[in-house]
Protein backbone atom coordinates (compact mmCIF):
# COMPACT_ATOMS: atom_id res chain seq x y z
CA MET A 1 1.39 -17.28 -27.24
CA ILE A 2 0.96 -13.55 -28.20
CA PRO A 3 -2.43 -13.25 -26.30
CA PHE A 4 -0.89 -14.77 -23.11
CA LEU A 5 2.17 -12.37 -23.24
CA LEU A 6 -0.22 -9.53 -23.76
CA SER A 7 -2.25 -10.67 -20.74
CA ILE A 8 1.04 -10.69 -18.69
CA PHE A 9 2.18 -7.40 -19.93
CA PHE A 10 -1.19 -5.56 -19.28
CA GLY A 11 -1.63 -7.51 -15.99
CA PHE A 12 1.56 -6.54 -14.49
CA VAL A 13 2.98 -3.36 -15.93
CA PRO A 14 0.02 -1.02 -15.17
CA MET A 15 0.07 -2.40 -11.50
CA LEU A 16 3.90 -1.82 -11.24
CA ILE A 17 3.32 1.72 -12.38
CA ASN A 18 0.54 2.25 -9.91
CA ALA A 19 2.88 0.71 -7.24
CA ALA A 20 5.64 3.14 -8.26
CA TRP A 21 3.18 6.05 -7.82
CA VAL A 22 2.10 5.05 -4.45
CA ILE A 23 5.71 4.75 -3.39
CA TRP A 24 6.55 8.11 -4.91
CA LEU A 25 3.82 9.76 -2.87
CA ASP A 26 5.56 8.73 0.36
CA ARG A 27 8.07 11.48 0.07
CA TYR A 28 8.73 12.34 3.84
CA GLU A 29 10.04 8.88 5.03
CA GLN A 30 10.19 6.34 2.27
CA GLU A 31 10.21 2.64 2.85
CA PRO A 32 13.05 0.29 2.01
CA LYS A 33 12.76 -0.78 -1.60
CA ARG A 34 13.71 -4.41 -0.58
CA LEU A 35 10.65 -4.63 1.67
CA LEU A 36 8.33 -3.09 -0.95
CA GLY A 37 9.59 -5.69 -3.42
CA ILE A 38 8.99 -8.58 -0.95
CA VAL A 39 5.44 -7.61 -0.37
CA PHE A 40 4.65 -7.07 -4.07
CA VAL A 41 6.05 -10.49 -4.86
CA TRP A 42 4.11 -11.98 -1.84
CA GLY A 43 0.92 -10.47 -3.37
CA ALA A 44 1.52 -11.61 -6.83
CA VAL A 45 2.65 -15.23 -5.89
CA VAL A 46 1.59 -16.33 -2.24
CA ALA A 47 -1.55 -14.39 -1.89
CA ALA A 48 -2.80 -14.72 -5.50
CA PHE A 49 -2.11 -18.54 -5.84
CA GLY A 50 -3.23 -19.17 -2.31
CA ALA A 51 -6.48 -17.45 -2.85
CA LEU A 52 -7.07 -19.40 -6.13
CA ILE A 53 -6.52 -22.76 -4.20
CA PHE A 54 -8.72 -21.96 -1.18
CA ASN A 55 -11.43 -20.30 -3.10
CA SER A 56 -11.61 -23.14 -5.48
CA LEU A 57 -11.74 -25.55 -2.50
CA TRP A 58 -14.57 -23.44 -0.95
CA GLU A 59 -16.63 -23.44 -4.18
CA VAL A 60 -16.21 -27.18 -4.71
CA SER A 61 -17.05 -28.14 -1.17
CA LEU A 62 -20.27 -25.85 -1.14
CA PHE A 63 -21.26 -27.43 -4.55
CA LEU A 64 -20.87 -30.91 -3.15
CA ILE A 65 -23.09 -29.87 -0.10
CA THR A 66 -25.73 -27.83 -1.93
CA ASN A 67 -25.60 -29.23 -5.41
CA SER A 68 -26.17 -25.47 -6.44
CA GLU A 69 -23.66 -24.10 -8.92
CA ARG A 70 -25.22 -20.55 -8.56
CA LEU A 71 -25.10 -20.77 -4.78
CA SER A 72 -21.45 -22.09 -4.55
CA SER A 73 -20.24 -19.42 -7.04
CA LEU A 74 -22.06 -16.56 -5.27
CA SER A 75 -20.85 -17.49 -1.86
CA THR A 76 -17.24 -17.75 -3.03
CA TYR A 77 -17.45 -14.42 -4.63
CA ILE A 78 -19.23 -12.57 -1.80
CA ILE A 79 -17.89 -14.48 1.27
CA SER A 80 -14.87 -16.59 0.49
CA ALA A 81 -12.96 -14.40 -1.86
CA PRO A 82 -13.12 -11.22 0.45
CA LEU A 83 -12.12 -13.25 3.54
CA ILE A 84 -9.47 -15.28 2.04
CA GLU A 85 -7.85 -12.72 -0.24
CA GLU A 86 -7.73 -9.97 2.39
CA PHE A 87 -6.39 -12.45 4.94
CA LEU A 88 -3.57 -13.54 2.54
CA LYS A 89 -2.63 -9.99 1.50
CA GLY A 90 -2.82 -8.89 5.19
CA LEU A 91 -0.43 -11.45 6.21
CA ALA A 92 2.37 -9.50 4.27
CA VAL A 93 1.52 -6.27 6.21
CA LEU A 94 1.53 -8.38 9.42
CA MET A 95 4.91 -9.64 8.73
CA ILE A 96 6.30 -6.00 8.30
CA PHE A 97 4.56 -5.02 11.31
CA LEU A 98 6.03 -7.77 13.49
CA HIS A 99 9.60 -8.18 12.09
CA TYR A 100 10.38 -4.63 10.77
CA ARG A 101 8.43 -2.71 13.47
CA HIS A 102 10.96 0.12 13.38
CA GLU A 103 10.14 0.72 9.69
CA PHE A 104 6.35 0.96 10.39
CA ASP A 105 6.38 4.74 11.41
CA SER A 106 3.10 6.24 10.27
CA ILE A 107 -0.45 5.61 8.85
CA LEU A 108 0.92 6.41 5.40
CA ASP A 109 3.46 3.53 5.82
CA GLY A 110 0.66 1.22 6.56
CA ILE A 111 -1.17 2.28 3.37
CA VAL A 112 1.85 2.00 1.30
CA TYR A 113 2.77 -1.69 2.34
CA ALA A 114 -0.87 -2.66 1.99
CA SER A 115 -1.33 -1.00 -1.26
CA VAL A 116 1.84 -2.59 -2.80
CA VAL A 117 1.01 -6.12 -1.68
CA ALA A 118 -2.51 -5.51 -3.12
CA LEU A 119 -1.18 -4.30 -6.44
CA GLY A 120 1.08 -7.42 -6.60
CA PHE A 121 -2.13 -9.59 -6.14
CA ALA A 122 -4.00 -7.57 -8.63
CA ALA A 123 -1.28 -7.97 -11.27
CA THR A 124 -1.60 -11.85 -11.16
CA GLU A 125 -5.44 -11.61 -11.00
CA ASN A 126 -5.58 -9.35 -13.82
CA THR A 127 -3.45 -11.48 -15.98
CA PHE A 128 -5.74 -14.44 -15.24
CA TYR A 129 -8.89 -12.51 -16.04
CA ILE A 130 -7.60 -10.82 -19.12
CA TYR A 131 -6.42 -14.13 -20.70
CA GLU A 132 -9.13 -16.69 -19.64
CA LYS A 133 -12.31 -14.46 -19.22
CA GLY A 134 -11.04 -12.15 -21.90
CA TYR A 135 -9.15 -13.81 -24.78
CA LEU A 136 -10.28 -17.35 -24.30
CA ALA A 137 -13.94 -16.36 -23.98
CA SER A 138 -14.08 -13.77 -26.74
CA GLY A 139 -10.83 -13.53 -28.63
CA TYR A 140 -9.05 -10.16 -29.04
CA SER A 141 -12.12 -8.11 -28.50
CA GLY A 142 -12.55 -9.82 -24.99
CA LEU A 143 -8.94 -9.33 -24.24
CA ILE A 144 -9.20 -5.50 -25.05
CA THR A 145 -12.49 -5.32 -23.06
CA LEU A 146 -10.99 -7.02 -20.04
CA ILE A 147 -7.87 -4.87 -20.14
CA PHE A 148 -10.08 -1.77 -19.99
CA LEU A 149 -12.21 -3.10 -17.28
CA ARG A 150 -9.46 -4.47 -14.96
CA VAL A 151 -6.87 -1.70 -15.55
CA ILE A 152 -9.10 1.39 -15.82
CA VAL A 153 -12.51 0.62 -14.30
CA VAL A 154 -11.49 -1.32 -11.31
CA GLY A 155 -7.68 -0.89 -11.29
CA TRP A 156 -7.47 0.52 -7.83
CA GLN A 157 -9.98 -1.94 -6.16
CA HIS A 158 -7.54 -4.25 -4.30
CA PRO A 159 -5.23 -1.31 -3.01
CA PHE A 160 -8.40 0.25 -1.66
CA TYR A 161 -9.68 -2.76 0.25
CA THR A 162 -6.26 -3.78 1.67
CA ALA A 163 -5.38 -0.14 2.64
CA PHE A 164 -7.71 -0.57 5.49
CA ILE A 165 -5.66 -3.35 6.89
CA GLY A 166 -2.51 -1.19 6.56
CA ILE A 167 -4.27 1.52 8.40
CA GLY A 168 -5.36 -0.78 11.11
CA PHE A 169 -1.81 -1.97 11.75
CA ALA A 170 -0.32 1.43 11.61
CA ALA A 171 -3.00 2.65 14.17
CA SER A 172 -2.03 -0.25 16.46
CA ARG A 173 1.70 0.66 15.98
CA LEU A 174 1.14 4.21 17.06
CA ALA A 175 -1.53 3.46 19.74
CA ARG A 176 -0.76 4.60 23.38
CA THR A 177 -3.35 2.08 24.96
CA GLY A 178 -3.15 -1.78 24.75
CA VAL A 179 -6.85 -2.19 23.98
CA TRP A 180 -6.68 -0.11 20.69
CA ARG A 181 -3.55 -2.01 19.78
CA ILE A 182 -5.69 -5.10 19.41
CA ILE A 183 -8.92 -3.51 18.08
CA ALA A 184 -7.38 -1.36 15.32
CA PRO A 185 -6.08 -4.35 13.23
CA LEU A 186 -9.32 -6.09 13.60
CA LEU A 187 -11.27 -3.03 12.58
CA GLY A 188 -9.06 -2.58 9.55
CA PHE A 189 -9.45 -6.11 8.48
CA SER A 190 -13.20 -5.99 8.78
CA ALA A 191 -13.30 -2.78 6.84
CA ALA A 192 -11.22 -4.48 4.05
CA VAL A 193 -13.39 -7.58 3.86
CA PHE A 194 -16.68 -5.46 4.02
CA THR A 195 -15.71 -3.11 1.07
CA HIS A 196 -14.36 -6.10 -1.00
CA SER A 197 -17.63 -8.08 -0.26
CA LEU A 198 -19.82 -5.01 -1.11
CA HIS A 199 -18.05 -4.49 -4.50
CA ASN A 200 -18.41 -8.21 -5.22
CA LEU A 201 -22.19 -8.28 -4.20
CA ILE A 202 -23.04 -5.21 -6.40
CA SER A 203 -21.25 -6.73 -9.48
CA SER A 204 -22.60 -10.31 -9.02
CA VAL A 205 -26.29 -9.77 -8.13
CA TYR A 206 -28.28 -9.23 -11.38
CA PRO A 207 -25.48 -7.98 -13.62
CA SER A 208 -26.69 -5.09 -15.67
CA LEU A 209 -25.61 -1.69 -17.00
CA LEU A 210 -27.43 0.03 -13.93
CA THR A 211 -25.46 -2.36 -11.34
CA CYS A 212 -22.16 -1.69 -13.31
CA LEU A 213 -22.64 2.01 -13.13
CA LEU A 214 -23.67 1.76 -9.41
CA GLY A 215 -20.64 -0.32 -8.56
CA SER A 216 -18.34 2.05 -10.45
CA MET A 217 -19.72 4.84 -8.51
CA VAL A 218 -19.29 3.22 -5.21
CA ASP A 219 -15.67 2.15 -6.10
CA TRP A 220 -14.58 5.48 -7.45
CA SER A 221 -16.16 7.39 -4.59
CA GLY A 222 -14.19 5.11 -2.24
CA TRP A 223 -10.98 5.49 -4.07
CA ILE A 224 -11.17 9.32 -4.23
CA ALA A 225 -11.97 9.50 -0.40
CA MET A 226 -8.89 7.18 0.25
CA PHE A 227 -6.77 9.40 -1.87
CA ALA A 228 -7.94 12.51 -0.05
CA PHE A 229 -7.03 10.74 3.17
CA VAL A 230 -3.64 9.94 1.77
CA ILE A 231 -3.08 13.62 0.99
CA TYR A 232 -4.16 14.48 4.56
CA THR A 233 -1.57 11.87 5.99
CA ILE A 234 1.18 13.55 3.92
CA TYR A 235 0.15 16.88 5.24
CA ARG A 236 0.34 15.55 8.76
CA GLU A 237 3.75 14.05 8.23
CA ARG A 238 4.97 17.51 7.09
CA ARG A 239 3.72 18.95 10.33
CA LEU A 240 5.40 16.24 12.34
CA LEU A 241 8.69 17.04 10.65
CA GLU A 242 8.26 20.73 11.19
CA HIS A 243 7.62 20.10 14.94
CA TYR A 244 10.49 17.61 15.61
CA LEU A 245 13.19 18.90 13.29
CA LYS A 246 13.19 22.55 14.58
CA GLU A 247 15.23 21.44 17.52
CA GLU A 248 17.95 20.14 15.18
CA ILE A 249 18.70 23.71 13.83
CA GLU A 250 19.63 24.73 17.53
CA LEU A 251 21.60 21.61 17.92
CA GLY A 252 23.48 22.25 14.69
CA THR A 253 22.34 19.10 12.88
CA LEU A 254 20.62 21.18 10.20
CA SER A 255 21.00 24.70 8.95
CA GLU A 256 17.83 26.79 8.66
CA THR A 257 17.79 26.41 4.89
CA GLN A 258 18.09 22.63 5.12
CA PHE A 259 15.31 22.51 7.76
CA TYR A 260 12.91 24.35 5.24
CA LYS A 261 14.04 22.07 2.30
CA ALA A 262 13.24 19.00 4.48
CA LEU A 263 9.70 20.28 4.93
CA SER A 264 9.15 21.00 1.12
CA PHE A 265 7.47 18.30 -0.84
CA THR A 266 8.58 20.02 -3.95
CA GLN A 267 12.31 20.24 -2.90
CA ARG A 268 12.18 16.42 -1.97
CA VAL A 269 11.20 15.77 -5.54
CA VAL A 270 13.38 18.25 -7.42
CA ASP A 271 16.72 18.08 -5.36
CA PRO A 272 17.46 14.26 -5.97
CA LEU A 273 16.76 14.96 -9.66
CA ILE A 274 19.19 17.87 -9.96
CA SER A 275 21.77 15.97 -7.80
CA ALA A 276 21.72 13.15 -10.21
CA PHE A 277 23.79 15.40 -12.55
CA ASN A 278 26.51 16.49 -9.96
CA GLY A 279 27.20 13.07 -8.66
CA GLN A 280 25.43 13.68 -5.30
CA TYR A 281 22.10 11.73 -5.73
CA ALA A 282 22.83 9.14 -2.99
CA LEU A 283 23.87 11.74 -0.49
CA VAL A 284 20.95 14.03 -1.25
CA HIS A 285 18.53 11.12 -1.05
CA ARG A 286 19.91 9.88 2.16
CA PHE A 287 19.66 13.34 3.70
CA TYR A 288 16.01 13.62 2.99
CA GLN A 289 15.36 10.11 4.18
CA LEU A 290 17.29 10.71 7.45
CA CYS A 291 15.26 13.84 8.11
CA GLY A 292 12.03 11.74 8.06
CA GLU A 293 13.52 8.99 9.99
CA LEU A 294 14.85 11.36 12.83
CA ALA A 295 11.57 13.22 13.14
CA HIS A 296 9.41 10.11 13.42
CA LYS A 297 11.69 8.36 15.93
CA LYS A 298 11.63 11.57 18.06
CA ALA A 299 7.94 11.66 17.84
CA GLN A 300 7.57 7.90 18.82
CA SER A 301 10.09 8.40 21.74
CA ALA A 302 7.88 11.18 22.95
CA GLN A 303 4.48 9.46 22.54
CA LEU A 304 4.95 5.87 22.83
CA ASP A 305 5.91 3.32 25.54
CA ASP A 306 7.16 0.06 23.88
CA GLU A 307 10.19 -2.15 23.64
CA ILE A 308 11.98 -0.22 20.94
CA ASP A 309 15.12 1.80 21.96
CA TYR A 310 14.23 5.00 20.33
CA GLN A 311 17.18 6.93 21.83
CA MET A 312 19.60 4.64 20.05
CA TRP A 313 17.87 5.24 16.70
CA ILE A 314 17.68 9.04 17.40
CA GLU A 315 21.45 9.25 18.04
CA ARG A 316 22.29 7.15 15.02
CA TYR A 317 20.15 9.10 12.66
CA ARG A 318 21.33 12.51 14.17
CA SER A 319 24.97 11.69 13.98
CA GLU A 320 24.61 10.48 10.25
CA LEU A 321 22.43 13.44 9.32
CA SER A 322 24.81 15.92 10.94
CA LYS A 323 27.62 14.54 8.74
CA ILE A 324 25.65 14.71 5.52
CA SER A 325 24.25 18.08 6.17
CA ARG A 326 27.90 19.48 6.63
CA LEU A 327 28.95 17.80 3.45
CA LEU A 328 26.14 19.22 1.54
CA SER A 329 26.55 22.71 2.95
CA GLY A 330 30.23 22.61 2.20
């Protein structure tokens, strides 16, 4: 019982911490916690167990056809798992894209939703690996080894793969041409499947210390590059806010001081913490959220031509932001 509980704990808690960190990075226009919770659960339940069923069916079917355990296992690892797992994780991002389109405002939003669903998937998968391939195979030493491998060595593999799907849908959402709106999600899905398959290929063909080191170098290089891209998207969001909120000073929606606070990543972290002690946390948090929402809707109104009534959202956010900014300045 204790090994199983330890497997659940080390399967889920590190991935929940990683998800919280991903969400924390999205400071300029955060996503609704309800939607983030839904996609995490989707990854942990629907995607994880769906992948287990379909991958097992693939492996059994191929074994019956080829009578080769090695071939059926390899094809599942290199072909079936990347396709099925990325498809099932990507469905959660697609649902947000289709049903909550007005919340899908930037490339960073796509990365956040994709990463959170992938971390939910990883939590369940890690629990399975730590218990079955760790404890049941080698006792507590195996459990500890698998915790290290799944949490530290390859802890960011699933968010890295699925982030490409989020980028693809976000690029489609923000595209001005119809062709790119179709191509971008397909490219994102293809990149997710390719990187996933490449990792599995390196780790499954002739396992050795050399291939382990090579796989880790490839994985970590990709993760570092993706993190650098995330930092770039945060910088781009700040520039977007700077451009589209400047007008709000002249309109009286924001004071100049509030405008510069809205642009500061540091202020967005510190101010809500300070406001928690004077009873204004909800007000301050909403102020910063509205600044991001208003800037993004103004940018989309200027750049996109789709079915969303951006002016309605702009007027709604501007009216609420004006009231809150006066309360905070008073």
